[in-house]
Amino acid sequence: SQFLCNGTKLNKGKYTIIGPIGSGGFGKTYKATYDHREVAIKEFFYEEHQMRGENGKEVLTTFGVSEDVQKVKDKFRREAQKIQEFTNNPHIVTVYETFDENNTCYYSMEYIEGCDLKKYCQKRGGVIGEEEAIAIIRQVASALKTLHSKQYNHYDVKPNNILIDTRGRAV
């Protein structure tokens, strides 16, 4: 797992980690607080080539792969910065800022209370109604249209990467 501990402060004490949300091959996502608001923070953590240092914060890279890891980290940062351009679409997560710390890169974004589309469907017995499905598809299509209008592609549209908030908004 190697998640940051609850209570860890990031970006000069601006953010406080509340706990982990999840992780993938290239990152870990946390719920955090900032100025009495909940936010999500994504940390670049290349599971295959990185580990936590003894202080529990610093990210260390396996010897001999640092150049490759740096390329992937730069891509992670560029993607977060690109997403910041799309604050006008309610179906694209709002990214607030990117910052470097602990020998890695982070970005803070809107915290979405809810679950991914896969879990959302599973909670309903694996089936959602036609009207609701069309509403979700329209929202996802709206997000993709906005991305495509700026010559940007998602490359990983799947139920696990579509969040449904507590009001039914797809992000």
Protein backbone atom coordinates (compact mmCIF):
# COMPACT_ATOMS: atom_id res chain seq x y z
CA SER A 1 0.00 0.00 0.00
CA GLN A 2 2.60 2.59 1.10
CA PHE A 3 0.05 5.38 1.47
CA LEU A 4 0.90 8.61 3.25
CA CYS A 5 -0.21 8.53 6.90
CA ASN A 6 -3.41 10.29 7.96
CA GLY A 7 -2.54 13.75 9.27
CA THR A 8 0.37 14.23 6.85
CA LYS A 9 0.69 17.88 5.80
CA LEU A 10 1.42 18.77 2.17
CA ASN A 11 2.31 21.94 0.26
CA LYS A 12 3.72 23.92 3.22
CA GLY A 13 0.92 22.74 5.52
CA LYS A 14 -1.88 23.83 3.17
CA TYR A 15 -3.38 20.33 2.88
CA THR A 16 -3.91 17.69 5.57
CA ILE A 17 -4.38 14.07 4.50
CA ILE A 18 -7.53 12.51 6.00
CA GLY A 19 -7.07 9.09 4.43
CA PRO A 20 -6.57 7.07 1.25
CA ILE A 21 -9.21 6.82 -1.47
CA GLY A 22 -7.43 4.43 -3.82
CA SER A 23 -4.38 3.65 -5.88
CA GLY A 24 -3.33 2.54 -9.34
CA GLY A 25 -0.08 1.76 -11.10
CA PHE A 26 1.01 5.41 -11.30
CA GLY A 27 -0.62 7.13 -8.37
CA LYS A 28 -2.32 7.23 -5.04
CA THR A 29 -5.39 9.33 -4.30
CA TYR A 30 -6.23 10.78 -0.90
CA LYS A 31 -9.04 12.65 0.75
CA ALA A 32 -7.66 15.78 2.37
CA THR A 33 -8.77 19.05 3.91
CA TYR A 34 -7.86 22.55 2.85
CA ASP A 35 -9.29 25.58 4.61
CA HIS A 36 -12.12 23.48 6.16
CA ARG A 37 -13.07 22.03 2.74
CA GLU A 38 -12.61 18.50 1.50
CA VAL A 39 -10.39 18.03 -1.55
CA ALA A 40 -8.82 15.06 -3.28
CA ILE A 41 -5.07 14.87 -3.78
CA LYS A 42 -3.41 12.66 -6.34
CA GLU A 43 0.20 11.69 -5.71
CA PHE A 44 2.50 10.43 -8.45
CA PHE A 45 3.72 7.05 -7.18
CA TYR A 46 4.96 4.58 -9.78
CA GLU A 47 4.16 1.38 -7.89
CA GLU A 48 6.52 -0.77 -9.96
CA HIS A 49 9.61 1.44 -9.48
CA GLN A 50 9.05 3.52 -6.34
CA MET A 51 8.74 3.09 -2.59
CA ARG A 52 8.41 5.25 0.51
CA GLY A 53 11.47 6.45 2.36
CA GLU A 54 11.97 5.89 6.07
CA ASN A 55 10.27 9.17 6.96
CA GLY A 56 7.01 7.82 5.47
CA LYS A 57 6.71 10.76 3.06
CA GLU A 58 9.62 10.84 0.64
CA VAL A 59 9.25 8.83 -2.57
CA LEU A 60 12.36 6.88 -3.60
CA THR A 61 12.97 5.49 -7.08
CA THR A 62 14.63 2.16 -7.85
CA PHE A 63 18.23 2.57 -9.02
CA GLY A 64 18.67 2.74 -12.79
CA VAL A 65 15.12 3.73 -13.79
CA SER A 66 15.00 7.35 -12.62
CA GLU A 67 15.07 8.77 -16.17
CA ASP A 68 12.06 6.67 -17.22
CA VAL A 69 10.19 7.48 -14.00
CA GLN A 70 10.91 11.21 -14.52
CA LYS A 71 9.33 11.04 -18.00
CA VAL A 72 6.17 9.45 -16.61
CA LYS A 73 6.09 11.96 -13.72
CA ASP A 74 6.39 14.86 -16.20
CA LYS A 75 3.47 13.41 -18.18
CA PHE A 76 1.44 13.12 -14.92
CA ARG A 77 2.14 16.81 -14.17
CA ARG A 78 1.32 17.96 -17.74
CA GLU A 79 -1.99 16.06 -17.69
CA ALA A 80 -2.99 17.68 -14.39
CA GLN A 81 -2.07 21.12 -15.74
CA LYS A 82 -4.04 20.45 -18.93
CA ILE A 83 -7.14 19.44 -16.93
CA GLN A 84 -6.96 22.80 -15.12
CA GLU A 85 -8.03 24.43 -18.41
CA PHE A 86 -11.43 22.72 -18.31
CA THR A 87 -13.04 24.31 -15.24
CA ASN A 88 -16.05 25.40 -17.34
CA ASN A 89 -17.47 21.87 -17.67
CA PRO A 90 -19.19 20.40 -14.57
CA HIS A 91 -18.51 16.88 -15.89
CA ILE A 92 -14.72 17.28 -15.80
CA VAL A 93 -13.09 17.19 -12.38
CA THR A 94 -11.75 20.59 -11.29
CA VAL A 95 -8.00 20.55 -10.70
CA TYR A 96 -6.88 23.34 -8.36
CA GLU A 97 -3.09 23.16 -8.47
CA THR A 98 -0.03 21.00 -8.99
CA PHE A 99 2.98 21.02 -6.67
CA ASP A 100 6.18 19.07 -6.07
CA GLU A 101 7.15 17.74 -2.67
CA ASN A 102 8.67 14.59 -1.15
CA ASN A 103 10.58 13.91 -4.37
CA THR A 104 7.32 13.50 -6.32
CA CYS A 105 4.43 15.45 -7.85
CA TYR A 106 0.91 16.05 -6.52
CA TYR A 107 -2.23 17.77 -7.67
CA SER A 108 -5.25 18.84 -5.69
CA MET A 109 -8.73 18.62 -7.14
CA GLU A 110 -12.39 18.74 -6.30
CA TYR A 111 -13.46 15.94 -3.94
CA ILE A 112 -16.44 14.08 -5.34
CA GLU A 113 -18.68 12.37 -2.80
CA GLY A 114 -20.03 9.27 -4.48
CA CYS A 115 -18.59 6.27 -6.29
CA ASP A 116 -17.42 5.17 -9.71
CA LEU A 117 -19.92 4.08 -12.37
CA LYS A 118 -19.00 0.41 -12.03
CA LYS A 119 -19.84 0.40 -8.29
CA TYR A 120 -22.89 2.59 -8.95
CA CYS A 121 -24.32 -0.03 -11.32
CA GLN A 122 -23.37 -2.93 -9.01
CA LYS A 123 -25.29 -1.27 -6.15
CA ARG A 124 -28.37 -1.36 -8.40
CA GLY A 125 -28.09 -5.05 -9.18
CA GLY A 126 -25.96 -4.47 -12.28
CA VAL A 127 -28.73 -2.65 -14.13
CA ILE A 128 -29.73 1.00 -14.46
CA GLY A 129 -32.74 2.30 -16.35
CA GLU A 130 -32.59 3.59 -19.90
CA GLU A 131 -33.32 7.22 -18.93
CA GLU A 132 -30.61 7.25 -16.30
CA ALA A 133 -28.13 5.54 -18.64
CA ILE A 134 -28.82 8.13 -21.35
CA ALA A 135 -28.38 10.97 -18.84
CA ILE A 136 -24.98 9.56 -17.77
CA ILE A 137 -23.91 9.01 -21.39
CA ARG A 138 -24.86 12.61 -22.26
CA GLN A 139 -22.82 13.96 -19.35
CA VAL A 140 -19.77 11.87 -20.29
CA ALA A 141 -20.17 12.89 -23.94
CA SER A 142 -20.31 16.55 -22.86
CA ALA A 143 -16.99 16.13 -21.03
CA LEU A 144 -15.40 14.38 -24.01
CA LYS A 145 -16.69 17.04 -26.43
CA THR A 146 -15.06 19.73 -24.26
CA LEU A 147 -11.76 17.80 -24.18
CA HIS A 148 -11.82 17.14 -27.91
CA SER A 149 -12.56 20.81 -28.66
CA LYS A 150 -9.06 21.56 -27.29
CA GLN A 151 -7.44 18.62 -29.13
CA TYR A 152 -7.13 16.59 -25.94
CA ASN A 153 -8.00 12.89 -25.63
CA HIS A 154 -8.82 10.90 -22.50
CA TYR A 155 -7.55 7.45 -23.63
CA ASP A 156 -9.03 5.62 -20.62
CA VAL A 157 -12.80 6.15 -20.57
CA LYS A 158 -14.27 3.27 -18.58
CA PRO A 159 -16.80 2.82 -15.75
CA ASN A 160 -14.04 2.82 -13.09
CA ASN A 161 -12.94 6.30 -14.27
CA ILE A 162 -16.41 7.88 -14.30
CA LEU A 163 -17.57 9.14 -10.92
CA ILE A 164 -21.22 9.57 -10.03
CA ASP A 165 -21.72 12.08 -7.22
CA THR A 166 -24.49 11.95 -4.64
CA ARG A 167 -26.73 14.15 -6.87
CA GLY A 168 -26.29 11.88 -9.91
CA ARG A 169 -23.76 14.07 -11.72
CA ALA A 170 -21.27 12.10 -13.83
CA VAL A 171 -17.68 13.35 -13.70
